[in-house]
N, C-alpha and C. Protein backbone atom coordinates (compact mmCIF):
# COMPACT_ATOMS: atom_id res chain seq x y z
N MET A 1 0.83 -1.19 0.00
CA MET A 1 0.00 0.00 0.00
C MET A 1 0.87 1.26 0.00
N LYS A 2 1.96 1.23 0.77
CA LYS A 2 2.87 2.37 0.80
C LYS A 2 3.46 2.64 -0.58
N ILE A 3 3.90 1.56 -1.22
CA ILE A 3 4.50 1.69 -2.54
C ILE A 3 3.49 2.20 -3.55
N TYR A 4 2.24 1.74 -3.44
CA TYR A 4 1.19 2.16 -4.37
C TYR A 4 0.97 3.68 -4.30
N TYR A 5 0.82 4.20 -3.09
CA TYR A 5 0.57 5.64 -2.93
C TYR A 5 1.81 6.48 -3.23
N ARG A 6 2.97 6.00 -2.79
CA ARG A 6 4.19 6.78 -2.95
C ARG A 6 4.72 6.78 -4.37
N ASP A 7 4.80 5.57 -4.99
CA ASP A 7 5.45 5.45 -6.29
C ASP A 7 4.48 5.48 -7.47
N PHE A 8 3.30 4.89 -7.31
CA PHE A 8 2.37 4.81 -8.43
C PHE A 8 1.50 6.06 -8.52
N LEU A 9 0.90 6.46 -7.38
CA LEU A 9 0.03 7.64 -7.40
C LEU A 9 0.81 8.94 -7.22
N GLY A 10 2.03 8.82 -6.70
CA GLY A 10 2.86 10.00 -6.57
C GLY A 10 2.45 10.95 -5.47
N ILE A 11 1.88 10.45 -4.39
CA ILE A 11 1.51 11.30 -3.25
C ILE A 11 2.13 10.72 -1.98
N PRO A 12 3.44 10.89 -1.84
CA PRO A 12 4.16 10.29 -0.71
C PRO A 12 3.74 10.84 0.65
N GLU A 13 3.18 12.06 0.68
CA GLU A 13 2.81 12.64 1.98
C GLU A 13 1.72 11.82 2.68
N ILE A 14 0.88 11.14 1.91
CA ILE A 14 -0.17 10.33 2.52
C ILE A 14 0.44 9.15 3.28
N VAL A 15 1.54 8.63 2.75
CA VAL A 15 2.18 7.47 3.36
C VAL A 15 2.57 7.76 4.81
N GLU A 16 2.96 9.00 5.08
CA GLU A 16 3.40 9.35 6.43
C GLU A 16 2.28 9.24 7.46
N THR A 17 1.04 9.25 7.00
CA THR A 17 -0.09 9.17 7.93
C THR A 17 -0.50 7.72 8.22
N PHE A 18 0.08 6.78 7.47
CA PHE A 18 -0.32 5.37 7.66
C PHE A 18 0.17 4.84 9.00
N ARG A 19 -0.66 4.09 9.66
CA ARG A 19 -0.29 3.42 10.89
C ARG A 19 -0.73 1.97 10.80
N PHE A 20 0.20 1.06 10.95
CA PHE A 20 -0.10 -0.35 10.84
C PHE A 20 0.03 -1.03 12.20
N PRO A 21 -0.87 -1.95 12.51
CA PRO A 21 -0.78 -2.65 13.81
C PRO A 21 0.46 -3.53 13.86
N ARG A 22 0.98 -3.68 15.07
CA ARG A 22 2.14 -4.55 15.23
C ARG A 22 1.76 -6.00 15.00
N ARG A 23 2.66 -6.70 14.37
CA ARG A 23 2.42 -8.13 14.15
C ARG A 23 2.72 -8.90 15.42
N GLU A 24 1.83 -9.79 15.76
CA GLU A 24 2.06 -10.64 16.92
C GLU A 24 3.06 -11.73 16.57
N ILE A 25 3.98 -11.97 17.47
CA ILE A 25 4.96 -13.04 17.26
C ILE A 25 4.31 -14.37 17.63
N LYS A 26 4.25 -15.27 16.65
CA LYS A 26 3.66 -16.57 16.89
C LYS A 26 4.76 -17.62 16.99
N TYR A 27 4.82 -18.26 18.13
CA TYR A 27 5.83 -19.28 18.34
C TYR A 27 5.29 -20.63 17.89
N ARG A 28 6.02 -21.27 17.02
CA ARG A 28 5.59 -22.58 16.52
C ARG A 28 6.09 -23.68 17.45
N TRP A 29 5.18 -24.59 17.74
CA TRP A 29 5.50 -25.70 18.64
C TRP A 29 6.49 -26.64 17.97
N VAL A 30 7.50 -27.03 18.73
CA VAL A 30 8.49 -28.01 18.27
C VAL A 30 8.48 -29.16 19.26
N PRO A 31 8.26 -30.38 18.80
CA PRO A 31 8.22 -31.53 19.74
C PRO A 31 9.58 -31.77 20.37
N THR A 32 9.55 -32.39 21.54
CA THR A 32 10.79 -32.77 22.20
C THR A 32 11.27 -34.12 21.65
N LYS A 33 12.51 -34.45 21.95
CA LYS A 33 13.03 -35.74 21.50
C LYS A 33 12.24 -36.89 22.12
N ARG A 34 11.86 -36.73 23.39
CA ARG A 34 11.09 -37.78 24.04
C ARG A 34 9.74 -37.97 23.36
N GLU A 35 9.10 -36.89 22.95
CA GLU A 35 7.83 -37.00 22.23
C GLU A 35 8.02 -37.68 20.88
N LEU A 36 9.14 -37.41 20.22
CA LEU A 36 9.43 -38.10 18.97
C LEU A 36 9.61 -39.59 19.20
N GLN A 37 10.28 -39.94 20.27
CA GLN A 37 10.49 -41.35 20.59
C GLN A 37 9.17 -42.05 20.88
N GLN A 38 8.29 -41.39 21.62
CA GLN A 38 6.98 -41.98 21.93
C GLN A 38 6.17 -42.18 20.66
N PHE A 39 6.23 -41.20 19.78
CA PHE A 39 5.48 -41.29 18.52
C PHE A 39 6.04 -42.42 17.66
N TYR A 40 7.36 -42.51 17.61
CA TYR A 40 8.02 -43.56 16.83
C TYR A 40 7.60 -44.94 17.33
N GLU A 41 7.55 -45.11 18.65
CA GLU A 41 7.18 -46.39 19.24
C GLU A 41 5.74 -46.78 18.92
N ALA A 42 4.90 -45.80 18.58
CA ALA A 42 3.51 -46.09 18.24
C ALA A 42 3.34 -46.53 16.79
N LEU A 43 4.39 -46.39 15.99
CA LEU A 43 4.34 -46.81 14.59
C LEU A 43 4.61 -48.31 14.52
N ASN A 44 3.81 -49.03 13.74
CA ASN A 44 3.90 -50.50 13.80
C ASN A 44 4.29 -51.18 12.49
N THR A 45 4.79 -50.42 11.52
CA THR A 45 5.26 -51.04 10.28
C THR A 45 6.65 -50.51 9.94
N GLU A 46 7.40 -51.31 9.17
CA GLU A 46 8.73 -50.87 8.75
C GLU A 46 8.64 -49.61 7.90
N ARG A 47 7.62 -49.55 7.04
CA ARG A 47 7.47 -48.37 6.18
C ARG A 47 7.21 -47.11 6.97
N SER A 48 6.30 -47.18 7.93
CA SER A 48 5.95 -45.99 8.70
C SER A 48 7.13 -45.50 9.55
N ARG A 49 7.91 -46.43 10.10
CA ARG A 49 9.06 -46.02 10.90
C ARG A 49 10.14 -45.41 10.02
N ALA A 50 10.36 -45.99 8.85
CA ALA A 50 11.36 -45.42 7.93
C ALA A 50 10.93 -44.04 7.45
N LEU A 51 9.66 -43.88 7.15
CA LEU A 51 9.14 -42.57 6.75
C LEU A 51 9.37 -41.53 7.84
N PHE A 52 9.01 -41.90 9.05
CA PHE A 52 9.14 -41.00 10.19
C PHE A 52 10.59 -40.52 10.34
N LEU A 53 11.53 -41.45 10.33
CA LEU A 53 12.93 -41.08 10.52
C LEU A 53 13.48 -40.31 9.33
N PHE A 54 12.96 -40.56 8.14
CA PHE A 54 13.40 -39.79 6.99
C PHE A 54 13.01 -38.32 7.14
N TYR A 55 11.78 -38.08 7.57
CA TYR A 55 11.36 -36.70 7.78
C TYR A 55 12.17 -36.04 8.88
N ALA A 56 12.41 -36.76 9.95
CA ALA A 56 13.07 -36.17 11.11
C ALA A 56 14.55 -35.93 10.90
N THR A 57 15.20 -36.69 10.01
CA THR A 57 16.65 -36.57 9.88
C THR A 57 17.12 -35.92 8.58
N THR A 58 16.20 -35.62 7.67
CA THR A 58 16.60 -34.98 6.41
C THR A 58 16.20 -33.52 6.32
N GLY A 59 15.12 -33.14 7.01
CA GLY A 59 14.61 -31.78 6.89
C GLY A 59 13.81 -31.56 5.63
N LEU A 60 13.49 -32.62 4.91
CA LEU A 60 12.74 -32.49 3.67
C LEU A 60 11.26 -32.23 3.93
N ARG A 61 10.61 -31.63 2.94
CA ARG A 61 9.17 -31.38 3.00
C ARG A 61 8.41 -32.68 2.74
N LYS A 62 7.12 -32.64 3.05
CA LYS A 62 6.28 -33.84 2.91
C LYS A 62 6.38 -34.44 1.52
N ARG A 63 6.09 -33.65 0.50
CA ARG A 63 6.06 -34.16 -0.87
C ARG A 63 7.44 -34.53 -1.38
N GLU A 64 8.48 -33.88 -0.87
CA GLU A 64 9.83 -34.20 -1.33
C GLU A 64 10.22 -35.62 -0.94
N VAL A 65 9.83 -36.05 0.24
CA VAL A 65 10.11 -37.43 0.65
C VAL A 65 9.27 -38.41 -0.17
N LEU A 66 8.01 -38.09 -0.37
CA LEU A 66 7.13 -39.01 -1.10
C LEU A 66 7.50 -39.11 -2.58
N ARG A 67 8.18 -38.10 -3.11
CA ARG A 67 8.59 -38.15 -4.52
C ARG A 67 9.95 -38.81 -4.73
N LEU A 68 10.64 -39.14 -3.65
CA LEU A 68 11.98 -39.71 -3.78
C LEU A 68 11.96 -41.00 -4.59
N THR A 69 12.91 -41.12 -5.50
CA THR A 69 13.11 -42.37 -6.22
C THR A 69 14.47 -42.94 -5.80
N PHE A 70 14.71 -44.15 -6.17
CA PHE A 70 15.99 -44.78 -5.82
C PHE A 70 17.16 -44.06 -6.47
N ARG A 71 16.91 -43.39 -7.59
CA ARG A 71 17.97 -42.65 -8.27
C ARG A 71 18.36 -41.39 -7.52
N ASP A 72 17.49 -40.94 -6.61
CA ASP A 72 17.77 -39.72 -5.84
C ASP A 72 18.67 -39.98 -4.64
N ILE A 73 18.92 -41.23 -4.31
CA ILE A 73 19.63 -41.55 -3.08
C ILE A 73 20.98 -42.20 -3.37
N ASP A 74 22.01 -41.66 -2.74
CA ASP A 74 23.33 -42.28 -2.74
C ASP A 74 23.40 -43.08 -1.44
N PHE A 75 23.12 -44.37 -1.51
CA PHE A 75 23.02 -45.21 -0.32
C PHE A 75 24.35 -45.34 0.41
N GLU A 76 25.44 -45.29 -0.33
CA GLU A 76 26.76 -45.45 0.29
C GLU A 76 27.07 -44.29 1.23
N ARG A 77 26.69 -43.07 0.83
CA ARG A 77 26.98 -41.89 1.64
C ARG A 77 25.77 -41.39 2.43
N ARG A 78 24.65 -42.13 2.35
CA ARG A 78 23.41 -41.70 2.99
C ARG A 78 23.03 -40.28 2.54
N MET A 79 23.21 -40.04 1.27
CA MET A 79 23.00 -38.70 0.73
C MET A 79 21.82 -38.69 -0.24
N ILE A 80 20.99 -37.67 -0.11
CA ILE A 80 19.88 -37.48 -1.03
C ILE A 80 20.30 -36.42 -2.02
N VAL A 81 20.36 -36.81 -3.28
CA VAL A 81 20.82 -35.94 -4.35
C VAL A 81 19.63 -35.15 -4.89
N PRO A 82 19.80 -33.86 -5.17
CA PRO A 82 18.66 -33.06 -5.62
C PRO A 82 18.04 -33.56 -6.91
N ASN A 83 16.74 -33.53 -6.93
CA ASN A 83 15.98 -33.87 -8.13
C ASN A 83 15.59 -32.58 -8.81
N LYS A 84 15.82 -32.47 -10.09
CA LYS A 84 15.56 -31.21 -10.79
C LYS A 84 14.08 -30.87 -10.88
N ASN A 85 13.22 -31.86 -10.79
CA ASN A 85 11.79 -31.63 -10.97
C ASN A 85 11.10 -31.35 -9.64
N ARG A 86 11.50 -30.29 -8.97
CA ARG A 86 10.95 -29.97 -7.66
C ARG A 86 9.93 -28.84 -7.70
N GLY A 87 9.82 -28.15 -8.82
CA GLY A 87 8.87 -27.04 -8.90
C GLY A 87 9.60 -25.71 -8.88
N ARG A 88 8.83 -24.64 -9.11
CA ARG A 88 9.42 -23.31 -9.23
C ARG A 88 9.81 -22.69 -7.90
N THR A 89 8.98 -22.86 -6.89
CA THR A 89 9.19 -22.14 -5.63
C THR A 89 9.89 -22.98 -4.57
N LYS A 90 9.79 -24.29 -4.65
CA LYS A 90 10.40 -25.15 -3.64
C LYS A 90 11.67 -25.77 -4.22
N HIS A 91 12.78 -25.53 -3.55
CA HIS A 91 14.06 -26.03 -4.04
C HIS A 91 14.68 -26.98 -3.02
N THR A 92 15.53 -27.84 -3.51
CA THR A 92 16.34 -28.67 -2.62
C THR A 92 17.78 -28.56 -3.08
N TRP A 93 18.68 -28.82 -2.18
CA TRP A 93 20.07 -28.88 -2.57
C TRP A 93 20.52 -30.30 -2.29
N ILE A 94 21.23 -30.52 -1.22
CA ILE A 94 21.66 -31.86 -0.85
C ILE A 94 21.42 -32.02 0.65
N THR A 95 20.90 -33.16 1.03
CA THR A 95 20.73 -33.44 2.45
C THR A 95 21.08 -34.89 2.70
N PHE A 96 21.02 -35.29 3.95
CA PHE A 96 21.45 -36.62 4.35
C PHE A 96 20.46 -37.21 5.34
N TYR A 97 20.58 -38.48 5.61
CA TYR A 97 19.82 -39.12 6.68
C TYR A 97 20.81 -39.85 7.58
N ASN A 98 20.44 -40.05 8.84
CA ASN A 98 21.40 -40.61 9.78
C ASN A 98 21.37 -42.14 9.81
N GLU A 99 22.18 -42.73 10.68
CA GLU A 99 22.29 -44.19 10.73
C GLU A 99 20.99 -44.84 11.19
N GLU A 100 20.26 -44.16 12.07
CA GLU A 100 18.98 -44.71 12.52
C GLU A 100 18.01 -44.85 11.36
N ALA A 101 17.93 -43.80 10.55
CA ALA A 101 17.04 -43.84 9.38
C ALA A 101 17.52 -44.88 8.38
N GLU A 102 18.83 -44.99 8.24
CA GLU A 102 19.39 -45.98 7.32
C GLU A 102 18.99 -47.40 7.73
N GLU A 103 19.08 -47.69 9.01
CA GLU A 103 18.73 -49.03 9.50
C GLU A 103 17.27 -49.36 9.22
N ASP A 104 16.37 -48.42 9.51
CA ASP A 104 14.95 -48.67 9.27
C ASP A 104 14.62 -48.69 7.79
N LEU A 105 15.34 -47.89 7.00
CA LEU A 105 15.12 -47.90 5.55
C LEU A 105 15.47 -49.27 4.97
N MET A 106 16.58 -49.84 5.40
CA MET A 106 16.98 -51.14 4.90
C MET A 106 15.99 -52.23 5.31
N LYS A 107 15.48 -52.15 6.52
CA LYS A 107 14.46 -53.12 6.97
C LYS A 107 13.20 -53.01 6.11
N TYR A 108 12.81 -51.76 5.83
CA TYR A 108 11.61 -51.54 5.02
C TYR A 108 11.80 -52.05 3.60
N LEU A 109 12.96 -51.75 2.99
CA LEU A 109 13.19 -52.14 1.60
C LEU A 109 13.21 -53.65 1.43
N LYS A 110 13.59 -54.38 2.48
CA LYS A 110 13.58 -55.84 2.41
C LYS A 110 12.16 -56.39 2.31
N THR A 111 11.17 -55.58 2.72
CA THR A 111 9.78 -56.03 2.64
C THR A 111 9.15 -55.73 1.29
N ARG A 112 9.84 -54.95 0.47
CA ARG A 112 9.29 -54.55 -0.82
C ARG A 112 9.33 -55.72 -1.80
N LYS A 113 8.21 -55.96 -2.45
CA LYS A 113 8.12 -57.04 -3.43
C LYS A 113 7.84 -56.51 -4.84
N ASP A 114 7.87 -55.19 -4.98
CA ASP A 114 7.54 -54.58 -6.27
C ASP A 114 8.77 -53.92 -6.87
N GLY A 115 8.66 -53.50 -8.11
CA GLY A 115 9.78 -52.85 -8.79
C GLY A 115 9.53 -51.38 -9.06
N ARG A 116 8.65 -50.77 -8.29
CA ARG A 116 8.33 -49.36 -8.52
C ARG A 116 9.53 -48.47 -8.18
N PRO A 117 9.70 -47.37 -8.92
CA PRO A 117 10.89 -46.53 -8.73
C PRO A 117 10.88 -45.68 -7.47
N LYS A 118 9.70 -45.40 -6.92
CA LYS A 118 9.63 -44.55 -5.72
C LYS A 118 10.07 -45.33 -4.49
N VAL A 119 10.77 -44.63 -3.60
CA VAL A 119 11.22 -45.25 -2.37
C VAL A 119 10.05 -45.52 -1.44
N PHE A 120 9.11 -44.58 -1.39
CA PHE A 120 7.95 -44.72 -0.52
C PHE A 120 6.64 -44.60 -1.33
N PRO A 121 6.31 -45.61 -2.12
CA PRO A 121 5.04 -45.57 -2.84
C PRO A 121 3.89 -45.77 -1.86
N ILE A 122 3.02 -44.78 -1.74
CA ILE A 122 1.95 -44.85 -0.76
C ILE A 122 0.82 -43.92 -1.18
N SER A 123 -0.40 -44.33 -0.95
CA SER A 123 -1.55 -43.49 -1.28
C SER A 123 -1.72 -42.41 -0.23
N ASP A 124 -2.42 -41.35 -0.59
CA ASP A 124 -2.68 -40.27 0.37
C ASP A 124 -3.46 -40.79 1.58
N ALA A 125 -4.41 -41.68 1.34
CA ALA A 125 -5.24 -42.21 2.43
C ALA A 125 -4.39 -42.99 3.42
N ASN A 126 -3.51 -43.85 2.92
CA ASN A 126 -2.66 -44.64 3.81
C ASN A 126 -1.64 -43.77 4.54
N PHE A 127 -1.14 -42.76 3.84
CA PHE A 127 -0.20 -41.84 4.46
C PHE A 127 -0.84 -41.13 5.65
N CYS A 128 -2.04 -40.61 5.43
CA CYS A 128 -2.74 -39.89 6.51
C CYS A 128 -3.09 -40.83 7.66
N ARG A 129 -3.43 -42.07 7.33
CA ARG A 129 -3.79 -43.04 8.36
C ARG A 129 -2.62 -43.32 9.30
N ILE A 130 -1.41 -43.41 8.76
CA ILE A 130 -0.22 -43.66 9.57
C ILE A 130 -0.08 -42.62 10.67
N TRP A 131 -0.17 -41.37 10.31
CA TRP A 131 0.03 -40.28 11.27
C TRP A 131 -1.16 -40.15 12.21
N ARG A 132 -2.36 -40.37 11.68
CA ARG A 132 -3.57 -40.25 12.50
C ARG A 132 -3.59 -41.29 13.61
N GLU A 133 -3.24 -42.53 13.28
CA GLU A 133 -3.27 -43.60 14.27
C GLU A 133 -2.21 -43.39 15.35
N ALA A 134 -1.03 -42.93 14.95
CA ALA A 134 0.02 -42.68 15.94
C ALA A 134 -0.35 -41.50 16.84
N ARG A 135 -1.00 -40.50 16.27
CA ARG A 135 -1.44 -39.37 17.09
C ARG A 135 -2.51 -39.80 18.08
N ARG A 136 -3.39 -40.71 17.65
CA ARG A 136 -4.45 -41.20 18.53
C ARG A 136 -3.85 -42.01 19.69
N LYS A 137 -2.85 -42.81 19.41
CA LYS A 137 -2.23 -43.63 20.44
C LYS A 137 -1.44 -42.81 21.46
N THR A 138 -0.79 -41.77 20.99
CA THR A 138 0.13 -41.02 21.85
C THR A 138 -0.44 -39.71 22.37
N GLY A 139 -1.42 -39.16 21.67
CA GLY A 139 -1.93 -37.83 22.04
C GLY A 139 -0.97 -36.72 21.65
N ILE A 140 0.03 -37.04 20.82
CA ILE A 140 1.03 -36.05 20.37
C ILE A 140 0.77 -35.73 18.91
N HIS A 141 0.61 -34.47 18.61
CA HIS A 141 0.24 -34.07 17.25
C HIS A 141 1.49 -33.81 16.42
N ILE A 142 2.10 -34.89 15.97
CA ILE A 142 3.30 -34.77 15.14
C ILE A 142 2.93 -34.98 13.68
N THR A 143 3.47 -34.12 12.83
CA THR A 143 3.26 -34.17 11.38
C THR A 143 4.62 -34.08 10.70
N PRO A 144 4.69 -34.34 9.39
CA PRO A 144 5.96 -34.13 8.68
C PRO A 144 6.49 -32.71 8.84
N GLN A 145 5.60 -31.72 8.86
CA GLN A 145 6.04 -30.33 9.03
C GLN A 145 6.65 -30.11 10.41
N ALA A 146 6.04 -30.75 11.44
CA ALA A 146 6.59 -30.63 12.79
C ALA A 146 7.98 -31.27 12.86
N LEU A 147 8.18 -32.36 12.13
CA LEU A 147 9.49 -33.00 12.11
C LEU A 147 10.51 -32.14 11.38
N ARG A 148 10.09 -31.43 10.38
CA ARG A 148 10.98 -30.49 9.67
C ARG A 148 11.41 -29.37 10.62
N ARG A 149 10.45 -28.86 11.41
CA ARG A 149 10.80 -27.82 12.38
C ARG A 149 11.75 -28.37 13.44
N TRP A 150 11.49 -29.61 13.88
CA TRP A 150 12.37 -30.22 14.88
C TRP A 150 13.78 -30.37 14.33
N PHE A 151 13.89 -30.80 13.09
CA PHE A 151 15.19 -30.98 12.46
C PHE A 151 15.98 -29.66 12.49
N CYS A 152 15.33 -28.58 12.10
CA CYS A 152 16.00 -27.28 12.08
C CYS A 152 16.43 -26.87 13.49
N SER A 153 15.53 -27.03 14.44
CA SER A 153 15.82 -26.65 15.82
C SER A 153 16.94 -27.49 16.41
N GLU A 154 16.89 -28.79 16.17
CA GLU A 154 17.89 -29.69 16.76
C GLU A 154 19.26 -29.50 16.13
N MET A 155 19.30 -29.32 14.82
CA MET A 155 20.59 -29.11 14.16
C MET A 155 21.24 -27.81 14.65
N ALA A 156 20.42 -26.77 14.87
CA ALA A 156 20.95 -25.52 15.42
C ALA A 156 21.49 -25.75 16.83
N ARG A 157 20.75 -26.52 17.63
CA ARG A 157 21.19 -26.82 19.00
C ARG A 157 22.50 -27.58 18.99
N LEU A 158 22.70 -28.41 17.98
CA LEU A 158 23.92 -29.21 17.87
C LEU A 158 25.09 -28.42 17.29
N GLY A 159 24.85 -27.14 17.01
CA GLY A 159 25.94 -26.27 16.58
C GLY A 159 26.10 -26.10 15.09
N VAL A 160 25.15 -26.56 14.29
CA VAL A 160 25.23 -26.39 12.84
C VAL A 160 24.82 -24.96 12.49
N PRO A 161 25.65 -24.22 11.76
CA PRO A 161 25.30 -22.84 11.39
C PRO A 161 24.01 -22.79 10.57
N ASP A 162 23.28 -21.70 10.74
CA ASP A 162 21.99 -21.55 10.08
C ASP A 162 22.07 -21.73 8.57
N ARG A 163 23.14 -21.22 7.96
CA ARG A 163 23.24 -21.28 6.50
C ARG A 163 23.29 -22.73 6.00
N TYR A 164 23.86 -23.62 6.82
CA TYR A 164 23.91 -25.03 6.42
C TYR A 164 22.59 -25.74 6.73
N VAL A 165 21.95 -25.36 7.81
CA VAL A 165 20.62 -25.91 8.08
C VAL A 165 19.68 -25.53 6.94
N ASP A 166 19.77 -24.28 6.49
CA ASP A 166 18.95 -23.84 5.36
C ASP A 166 19.25 -24.65 4.11
N ALA A 167 20.52 -24.97 3.91
CA ALA A 167 20.90 -25.76 2.73
C ALA A 167 20.30 -27.16 2.80
N PHE A 168 20.36 -27.80 3.96
CA PHE A 168 19.77 -29.13 4.11
C PHE A 168 18.26 -29.09 3.85
N CYS A 169 17.63 -27.98 4.23
CA CYS A 169 16.17 -27.86 4.09
C CYS A 169 15.76 -27.27 2.75
N GLY A 170 16.71 -26.95 1.89
CA GLY A 170 16.37 -26.42 0.57
C GLY A 170 15.94 -24.98 0.59
N ARG A 171 16.50 -24.19 1.52
CA ARG A 171 16.11 -22.79 1.60
C ARG A 171 17.21 -21.84 1.11
N VAL A 172 18.16 -22.36 0.37
CA VAL A 172 19.23 -21.52 -0.17
C VAL A 172 18.92 -21.23 -1.63
N PRO A 173 18.79 -19.95 -2.02
CA PRO A 173 18.49 -19.62 -3.42
C PRO A 173 19.55 -20.17 -4.35
N ARG A 174 19.14 -20.56 -5.53
CA ARG A 174 20.09 -21.13 -6.48
C ARG A 174 21.17 -20.13 -6.87
N THR A 175 20.86 -18.84 -6.88
CA THR A 175 21.88 -17.85 -7.22
C THR A 175 23.01 -17.87 -6.21
N VAL A 176 22.66 -18.06 -4.92
CA VAL A 176 23.69 -18.13 -3.88
C VAL A 176 24.52 -19.39 -4.05
N LEU A 177 23.85 -20.51 -4.34
CA LEU A 177 24.58 -21.75 -4.54
C LEU A 177 25.55 -21.62 -5.71
N ALA A 178 25.08 -20.98 -6.77
CA ALA A 178 25.90 -20.85 -7.96
C ALA A 178 27.15 -20.01 -7.70
N GLN A 179 27.02 -19.01 -6.83
CA GLN A 179 28.14 -18.11 -6.58
C GLN A 179 29.05 -18.62 -5.46
N TYR A 180 28.62 -19.65 -4.73
CA TYR A 180 29.44 -20.25 -3.68
C TYR A 180 29.97 -19.23 -2.68
N TYR A 181 29.05 -18.42 -2.14
CA TYR A 181 29.45 -17.54 -1.04
C TYR A 181 29.87 -18.38 0.16
N THR A 182 29.27 -19.54 0.31
CA THR A 182 29.64 -20.49 1.34
C THR A 182 29.93 -21.81 0.65
N ASP A 183 30.76 -22.63 1.26
CA ASP A 183 31.12 -23.91 0.64
C ASP A 183 29.94 -24.89 0.79
N TYR A 184 29.17 -25.06 -0.27
CA TYR A 184 28.01 -25.95 -0.24
C TYR A 184 28.28 -27.25 -0.99
N ARG A 185 29.53 -27.60 -1.16
CA ARG A 185 29.84 -28.84 -1.86
C ARG A 185 29.35 -30.04 -1.05
N PRO A 186 28.95 -31.12 -1.74
CA PRO A 186 28.47 -32.30 -1.03
C PRO A 186 29.44 -32.81 0.03
N GLU A 187 30.73 -32.78 -0.26
CA GLU A 187 31.71 -33.28 0.70
C GLU A 187 31.71 -32.45 1.98
N THR A 188 31.56 -31.15 1.83
CA THR A 188 31.53 -30.26 2.99
C THR A 188 30.27 -30.48 3.81
N LEU A 189 29.14 -30.56 3.13
CA LEU A 189 27.87 -30.76 3.82
C LEU A 189 27.82 -32.11 4.53
N LYS A 190 28.43 -33.12 3.93
CA LYS A 190 28.49 -34.44 4.56
C LYS A 190 29.25 -34.38 5.88
N LYS A 191 30.38 -33.69 5.88
CA LYS A 191 31.18 -33.56 7.11
C LYS A 191 30.40 -32.82 8.19
N ILE A 192 29.72 -31.77 7.80
CA ILE A 192 28.96 -30.97 8.76
C ILE A 192 27.81 -31.78 9.33
N TYR A 193 27.11 -32.51 8.47
CA TYR A 193 25.98 -33.33 8.93
C TYR A 193 26.46 -34.41 9.89
N ASP A 194 27.50 -35.12 9.52
CA ASP A 194 28.00 -36.22 10.36
C ASP A 194 28.56 -35.71 11.68
N LYS A 195 29.19 -34.55 11.65
CA LYS A 195 29.77 -33.99 12.87
C LYS A 195 28.69 -33.65 13.90
N ALA A 196 27.50 -33.30 13.43
CA ALA A 196 26.40 -32.95 14.34
C ALA A 196 25.92 -34.16 15.14
N LYS A 197 26.10 -35.35 14.59
CA LYS A 197 25.67 -36.59 15.26
C LYS A 197 24.19 -36.53 15.67
N LEU A 198 23.36 -36.22 14.71
CA LEU A 198 21.91 -36.13 14.95
C LEU A 198 21.35 -37.49 15.35
N ARG A 199 20.64 -37.55 16.46
CA ARG A 199 20.05 -38.78 16.95
C ARG A 199 18.63 -38.51 17.41
N ILE A 200 17.79 -39.53 17.25
CA ILE A 200 16.40 -39.43 17.71
C ILE A 200 16.08 -40.52 18.72
N LEU A 201 16.48 -41.72 18.45
CA LEU A 201 16.09 -42.88 19.27
C LEU A 201 17.00 -43.09 20.47
N THR A 202 18.12 -42.40 20.52
CA THR A 202 19.05 -42.56 21.64
C THR A 202 19.42 -41.19 22.21
C-alpha cells in the first residue's frame, strides 16, 4: 500500500499518515526428542518407521520425501541428491539421513516385493492413516512439518550454522549456490551433517 501511494500515485505525503498494527509473534511448537520417541514407538510397520525417521533426519518437505526415487539416493553416503523436478518455488540442494534412518530404511526395503521406482510408494489415504493412528495412540500431534521444524531446531542446537541448516532444508536460493558464497559442496555438507551426530532414538 505504501509503494502504491508513494510510487504509483505520486503522493508520498499520505504514506506518512499510515499506521499499521504490530504483528504478533507466533511461536511454533516443536516436539521434544522424548515425544518423537513416543510417537516412533507407536508406529507399527517398517514403512511408517522409515518414513518418520526420513522426515526427522533430512529436513525435507512432505512431498519431497514421497517423490523420492531410488535414483535420488546415494546409499553409500546416505545422501539425497537433488531432483531437478521440484517445482518453481520449492528447491532442494543436498541433504542426508542418519544411521537410525538408514537401518529402518533397509528393513523396510527388504519387505518390498515390487519394482516401482519410488522409495515410498503410498496413497494419500494410507499416508494420513499412519500419522492419525500414531497421534491417537500417543496424544502427540506430530506431522511431517513438525518433524521439519524439529530438524532445524535440533541441528541448530547441535551447533550447525543456520546457512547449512537452510541448505539441508532447501532454503538456499540457487543464485547463492551458484556463486558459492559459502562452501556448499556435497563433501563439505556431509562432514557438517555427520559432525552434528543427529540422533532421535538414543
